[in-house]
Amino acid sequence: MRPGMLTRSRANRKVKTPGGKLVIHRQKFYKSGGTCAITGGKLHLSRRAKHGRRRGASLSAKRPNRPYGGVISSQALRRGIIKAARE
């Protein structure tokens, strides 16, 4: 989400409770976990790559240590290596 969209007014939502009262719930904005460039599926990232732990961790801790780690999924990489070996 763009930084301009991460505003206080967007985070606060009015919700009607089962008791009939109108209360304000605060919505948290998280970054998406990451998607594979080939399949479009969700990437399996380490725990340090998620939500609030991004800043403290090193770059190598956030991504898998393999070719195209953090860009394409392991299944897509496996298919690419097999395809290249067969050619």
C-alpha atoms as a PDB file:
ATOM      1  CA  MET A   1       0.000   0.000   0.000  1.00  0.00           C
ATOM      2  CA  ARG A   2       1.243   3.477  -0.804  1.00  0.00           C
ATOM      3  CA  PRO A   3       2.530   5.540   2.156  1.00  0.00           C
ATOM      4  CA  GLY A   4      -0.175   8.121   1.473  1.00  0.00           C
ATOM      5  CA  MET A   5      -2.819   5.481   2.125  1.00  0.00           C
ATOM      6  CA  LEU A   6      -1.433   4.539   5.562  1.00  0.00           C
ATOM      7  CA  THR A   7      -3.366   7.287   7.332  1.00  0.00           C
ATOM      8  CA  ARG A   8      -5.077   7.390  10.697  1.00  0.00           C
ATOM      9  CA  SER A   9      -8.502   7.924   9.153  1.00  0.00           C
ATOM     10  CA  ARG A  10      -8.138   4.783   7.032  1.00  0.00           C
ATOM     11  CA  ALA A  11      -6.959   2.747  10.011  1.00  0.00           C
ATOM     12  CA  ASN A  12      -9.929   3.652  12.238  1.00  0.00           C
ATOM     13  CA  ARG A  13     -13.090   1.774  11.311  1.00  0.00           C
ATOM     14  CA  LYS A  14     -16.536   2.183  12.852  1.00  0.00           C
ATOM     15  CA  VAL A  15     -17.956  -1.242  13.700  1.00  0.00           C
ATOM     16  CA  LYS A  16     -21.390  -2.035  15.092  1.00  0.00           C
ATOM     17  CA  THR A  17     -21.100  -4.602  17.899  1.00  0.00           C
ATOM     18  CA  PRO A  18     -23.707  -7.303  18.614  1.00  0.00           C
ATOM     19  CA  GLY A  19     -24.945  -5.145  21.502  1.00  0.00           C
ATOM     20  CA  GLY A  20     -25.875  -2.382  19.057  1.00  0.00           C
ATOM     21  CA  LYS A  21     -23.127   0.064  20.046  1.00  0.00           C
ATOM     22  CA  LEU A  22     -20.939   1.778  17.487  1.00  0.00           C
ATOM     23  CA  VAL A  23     -17.251   1.419  18.416  1.00  0.00           C
ATOM     24  CA  ILE A  24     -13.996   2.230  16.633  1.00  0.00           C
ATOM     25  CA  HIS A  25     -11.722  -0.660  15.702  1.00  0.00           C
ATOM     26  CA  ARG A  26      -8.177   0.070  14.620  1.00  0.00           C
ATOM     27  CA  GLN A  27      -7.087  -1.777  11.494  1.00  0.00           C
ATOM     28  CA  LYS A  28      -3.418  -2.728  11.152  1.00  0.00           C
ATOM     29  CA  PHE A  29      -1.700  -2.366   7.804  1.00  0.00           C
ATOM     30  CA  TYR A  30       0.830  -5.092   7.083  1.00  0.00           C
ATOM     31  CA  LYS A  31       2.991  -5.485   4.027  1.00  0.00           C
ATOM     32  CA  SER A  32       2.176  -8.457   1.842  1.00  0.00           C
ATOM     33  CA  GLY A  33       4.446 -11.423   2.473  1.00  0.00           C
ATOM     34  CA  GLY A  34       5.742 -11.503  -1.096  1.00  0.00           C
ATOM     35  CA  THR A  35       4.621 -13.160  -4.295  1.00  0.00           C
ATOM     36  CA  CYS A  36       6.444 -15.356  -6.785  1.00  0.00           C
ATOM     37  CA  ALA A  37       7.340 -13.569 -10.033  1.00  0.00           C
ATOM     38  CA  ILE A  38       6.525 -16.650 -12.141  1.00  0.00           C
ATOM     39  CA  THR A  39       3.600 -18.450 -10.479  1.00  0.00           C
ATOM     40  CA  GLY A  40       2.111 -15.498  -8.597  1.00  0.00           C
ATOM     41  CA  GLY A  41       1.804 -17.650  -5.475  1.00  0.00           C
ATOM     42  CA  LYS A  42       2.738 -16.658  -1.947  1.00  0.00           C
ATOM     43  CA  LEU A  43       6.436 -16.925  -1.016  1.00  0.00           C
ATOM     44  CA  HIS A  44       7.448 -18.856   2.084  1.00  0.00           C
ATOM     45  CA  LEU A  45       9.642 -16.330   3.868  1.00  0.00           C
ATOM     46  CA  SER A  46      11.453 -16.597   7.183  1.00  0.00           C
ATOM     47  CA  ARG A  47       9.868 -15.214  10.359  1.00  0.00           C
ATOM     48  CA  ARG A  48      12.315 -12.299  10.354  1.00  0.00           C
ATOM     49  CA  ALA A  49      10.982 -11.144   6.984  1.00  0.00           C
ATOM     50  CA  LYS A  50       7.473 -10.686   8.328  1.00  0.00           C
ATOM     51  CA  HIS A  51       5.775  -7.552   9.684  1.00  0.00           C
ATOM     52  CA  GLY A  52       7.624  -5.684  12.448  1.00  0.00           C
ATOM     53  CA  ARG A  53      10.830  -7.689  12.355  1.00  0.00           C
ATOM     54  CA  ARG A  54      11.965  -6.395   8.957  1.00  0.00           C
ATOM     55  CA  ARG A  55      14.143  -3.523  10.121  1.00  0.00           C
ATOM     56  CA  GLY A  56      16.258  -5.361  12.678  1.00  0.00           C
ATOM     57  CA  ALA A  57      17.161  -8.351  10.540  1.00  0.00           C
ATOM     58  CA  SER A  58      19.910  -8.488   7.948  1.00  0.00           C
ATOM     59  CA  LEU A  59      19.087  -8.862   4.261  1.00  0.00           C
ATOM     60  CA  SER A  60      20.353 -12.449   4.156  1.00  0.00           C
ATOM     61  CA  ALA A  61      18.109 -13.362   7.095  1.00  0.00           C
ATOM     62  CA  LYS A  62      15.026 -12.127   5.271  1.00  0.00           C
ATOM     63  CA  ARG A  63      15.457 -14.154   2.088  1.00  0.00           C
ATOM     64  CA  PRO A  64      16.190 -17.823   1.360  1.00  0.00           C
ATOM     65  CA  ASN A  65      19.848 -18.409   0.508  1.00  0.00           C
ATOM     66  CA  ARG A  66      19.432 -19.883  -2.964  1.00  0.00           C
ATOM     67  CA  PRO A  67      19.427 -18.516  -6.517  1.00  0.00           C
ATOM     68  CA  TYR A  68      16.498 -16.101  -7.010  1.00  0.00           C
ATOM     69  CA  GLY A  69      15.701 -16.400  -3.276  1.00  0.00           C
ATOM     70  CA  GLY A  70      12.926 -14.012  -2.273  1.00  0.00           C
ATOM     71  CA  VAL A  71      11.907 -13.482  -5.914  1.00  0.00           C
ATOM     72  CA  ILE A  72      10.568 -16.824  -7.162  1.00  0.00           C
ATOM     73  CA  SER A  73       9.224 -19.760  -5.197  1.00  0.00           C
ATOM     74  CA  SER A  74      11.171 -22.968  -4.659  1.00  0.00           C
ATOM     75  CA  GLN A  75       8.750 -24.909  -6.902  1.00  0.00           C
ATOM     76  CA  ALA A  76       9.258 -22.456  -9.792  1.00  0.00           C
ATOM     77  CA  LEU A  77      13.039 -22.573  -9.353  1.00  0.00           C
ATOM     78  CA  ARG A  78      12.970 -26.366  -9.321  1.00  0.00           C
ATOM     79  CA  ARG A  79      10.965 -26.444 -12.552  1.00  0.00           C
ATOM     80  CA  GLY A  80      13.390 -23.974 -14.149  1.00  0.00           C
ATOM     81  CA  ILE A  81      16.470 -26.000 -13.188  1.00  0.00           C
ATOM     82  CA  ILE A  82      14.931 -29.241 -14.497  1.00  0.00           C
ATOM     83  CA  LYS A  83      13.882 -27.502 -17.725  1.00  0.00           C
ATOM     84  CA  ALA A  84      17.397 -26.069 -18.232  1.00  0.00           C
ATOM     85  CA  ALA A  85      19.012 -29.459 -17.567  1.00  0.00           C
ATOM     86  CA  ARG A  86      16.797 -31.172 -20.156  1.00  0.00           C
ATOM     87  CA  GLU A  87      17.702 -28.676 -22.891  1.00  0.00           C
END
